[in-house]
Protein backbone atom coordinates (compact mmCIF):
# COMPACT_ATOMS: atom_id res chain seq x y z
CA MET A 1 11.02 49.77 -16.28
CA GLU A 2 8.99 49.40 -12.72
CA ARG A 3 6.92 46.68 -14.56
CA ALA A 4 9.90 44.84 -15.57
CA LEU A 5 11.53 45.14 -12.11
CA PHE A 6 7.94 43.94 -10.76
CA LEU A 7 7.56 40.90 -13.16
CA LEU A 8 11.20 40.07 -12.37
CA CYS A 9 10.66 39.92 -8.42
CA CYS A 10 7.40 37.55 -8.92
CA VAL A 11 9.44 35.03 -11.32
CA ALA A 12 12.12 35.08 -8.43
CA LEU A 13 9.51 34.58 -5.82
CA VAL A 14 7.84 31.74 -7.73
CA VAL A 15 11.19 30.03 -8.35
CA SER A 16 12.27 30.28 -4.83
CA ALA A 17 8.77 28.77 -3.83
CA CYS A 18 9.18 25.74 -5.87
CA SER A 19 12.40 25.63 -4.80
CA ASN A 20 11.79 25.06 -1.01
CA THR A 21 8.81 22.60 -2.07
CA LYS A 22 10.89 20.54 -3.80
CA LYS A 23 13.60 20.51 -0.77
CA GLU A 24 10.73 20.10 1.72
CA SER A 25 9.18 17.04 -0.37
CA LYS A 26 12.67 15.29 -0.83
CA ILE A 27 13.19 15.78 3.15
CA SER A 28 9.81 14.25 3.61
CA GLU A 29 10.28 11.45 1.68
CA GLN A 30 13.95 10.70 3.39
CA ASN A 31 12.12 10.67 6.78
CA GLN A 32 9.09 8.33 5.48
CA GLN A 33 11.71 5.84 4.18
CA GLU A 34 13.68 5.90 7.44
CA GLU A 35 10.67 5.25 9.42
CA ILE A 36 9.20 2.41 7.92
CA PRO A 37 11.09 -0.84 8.77
CA MET A 38 12.45 -2.83 5.59
CA VAL A 39 10.41 -6.24 5.37
CA GLY A 40 13.08 -9.06 5.75
CA GLY A 41 15.48 -6.75 7.76
CA ASP A 42 14.53 -8.45 11.00
CA ALA A 43 17.32 -11.08 11.00
CA ASP A 44 18.13 -12.42 14.45
CA ALA A 45 21.84 -13.26 15.70
CA HIS A 46 21.68 -16.27 13.95
CA GLY A 47 20.25 -14.64 10.47
CA CYS A 48 16.78 -15.97 10.70
CA LYS A 49 13.94 -13.93 9.44
CA ALA A 50 10.92 -13.54 11.93
CA SER A 51 9.10 -12.07 8.88
CA ALA A 52 9.61 -14.71 6.59
CA GLY A 53 8.32 -17.14 9.54
CA TYR A 54 11.74 -18.29 10.58
CA HIS A 55 13.06 -19.33 13.99
CA TRP A 56 16.58 -20.65 15.26
CA SER A 57 16.49 -24.30 16.24
CA ALA A 58 19.38 -25.07 18.50
CA LEU A 59 18.41 -29.01 18.37
CA LYS A 60 18.69 -28.62 14.14
CA ASN A 61 21.47 -25.82 14.23
CA GLU A 62 19.51 -24.26 11.44
CA CYS A 63 16.71 -21.61 10.78
CA ILE A 64 13.27 -23.58 10.61
CA ARG A 65 9.65 -22.59 9.97
CA LEU A 66 7.62 -24.14 12.76
CA PHE A 67 4.90 -24.93 10.81
CA GLU A 68 6.92 -26.99 8.24
CA ALA A 69 9.38 -28.45 10.57
CA GLY A 70 7.64 -28.77 13.89
CA ILE A 71 4.67 -30.72 15.32
CA ALA A 72 1.54 -28.09 16.05
CA LEU A 73 0.27 -28.40 19.77
CA GLU A 74 -3.28 -26.73 20.56
CA ALA A 75 -3.83 -25.07 23.61
CA LYS A 76 -5.80 -27.00 26.03
CA ALA A 77 -5.26 -25.16 29.55
CA GLU A 78 -7.43 -22.72 30.85
CA GLY A 79 -6.02 -19.09 30.43
CA LEU A 80 -4.12 -19.95 27.38
CA ASP A 81 -4.78 -18.25 24.08
CA LYS A 82 -6.71 -20.80 21.99
CA GLY A 83 -5.55 -19.39 18.61
CA LEU A 84 -1.80 -19.55 19.31
CA ALA A 85 0.00 -23.15 18.86
CA ALA A 86 3.09 -24.42 20.47
CA TYR A 87 5.47 -26.32 18.23
CA VAL A 88 7.68 -29.45 19.07
CA VAL A 89 10.62 -30.26 16.82
CA PHE A 90 12.96 -33.50 16.91
CA LYS A 91 16.21 -33.38 15.28
CA SER A 92 15.11 -35.91 12.73
CA ASP A 93 12.74 -38.86 12.20
CA THR A 94 15.29 -41.07 13.78
CA ASP A 95 17.20 -38.88 16.35
CA ASP A 96 14.65 -37.91 19.28
CA ALA A 97 17.14 -38.21 22.23
CA GLN A 98 15.80 -34.20 22.64
CA ALA A 99 12.84 -32.50 21.85
CA GLU A 100 12.72 -28.78 21.33
CA LEU A 101 9.91 -26.85 22.48
CA PHE A 102 8.47 -23.50 21.05
CA LEU A 103 5.94 -21.83 23.28
CA PRO A 104 3.78 -18.84 22.42
CA GLY A 105 5.16 -15.50 23.74
CA GLU A 106 8.72 -17.12 24.84
CA LYS A 107 11.48 -15.82 23.10
CA ASN A 108 13.81 -18.76 23.32
CA ALA A 109 12.85 -22.57 22.71
CA ILE A 110 12.89 -25.07 25.41
CA LEU A 111 15.09 -28.40 25.27
CA LEU A 112 13.74 -31.51 27.07
CA GLU A 113 15.72 -34.83 27.50
CA LYS A 114 14.26 -38.47 26.63
CA ALA A 115 13.21 -40.59 29.34
CA GLN A 116 11.49 -43.67 28.70
CA GLU A 117 8.72 -44.59 31.33
CA GLU A 118 5.47 -46.90 31.13
CA GLY A 119 5.38 -47.39 27.54
CA ALA A 120 5.01 -44.05 26.45
CA ASP A 121 8.21 -41.73 25.33
CA MET A 122 8.42 -38.82 27.36
CA TRP A 123 10.85 -35.96 27.24
CA ARG A 124 11.36 -33.74 30.57
CA ASN A 125 12.89 -31.05 31.86
CA PRO A 126 12.22 -29.52 35.72
CA GLU A 127 9.23 -27.52 34.03
CA TYR A 128 7.63 -29.41 31.52
CA THR A 129 6.86 -32.95 30.28
CA LEU A 130 6.29 -34.00 26.70
CA ILE A 131 4.46 -37.16 26.26
CA GLN A 132 3.82 -39.23 23.18
CA TRP A 133 1.15 -42.05 23.35
CA LYS A 134 -0.95 -43.74 21.04
CA GLY A 135 -0.32 -41.09 18.25
CA MET A 136 -0.92 -38.01 20.54
CA ILE A 137 1.66 -35.59 21.92
CA SER A 138 0.82 -33.86 25.12
CA LEU A 139 2.54 -31.28 27.08
CA GLU A 140 2.16 -31.08 30.83
CA ASP A 141 3.85 -28.44 33.39
CA SER A 142 5.44 -29.92 36.51
CA GLU A 143 1.98 -29.96 38.39
CA LYS A 144 0.69 -32.44 35.40
CA THR A 145 -1.89 -29.85 33.81
CA LEU A 146 -2.45 -30.57 30.37
CA LEU A 147 -1.16 -27.38 28.41
CA TYR A 148 -1.08 -28.43 24.84
CA GLN A 149 -1.95 -31.65 22.85
CA GLY A 150 -1.65 -32.43 18.83
CA ALA A 151 -1.49 -35.20 16.56
CA ALA A 152 2.04 -36.99 16.23
CA LYS A 153 3.41 -37.06 12.72
């Protein structure tokens, strides 16, 4: 009788331990799932998913991939990260009244208005001047320092 009672207690302990291990395992799995961000779950206010390479273009009024819709400009000024490109986007091939500028590290794009001067196409705001001349696009700051440059499409 004592032996049967002892075996019954041992079985109860094993079953109890297994049950607790399963509960802890489920809780651990749930915690891990909550901590891992869902890929593609990073849509901004416009629905653009940065993890898929999309940015909101106010000029085009849609989500775009800069490397597809924009013109890449390489960093030229001292102190800029040479591994990060700036991008310029125009509304279309025929509508270039404004240029939209995407700079590394800037959360929002910058709009520049077109101004024609000295035979070159220019887009300006108080901080930046974008110049397209002889197949090149250059971005200068207000002190005329060359910041970025690239080939026009």
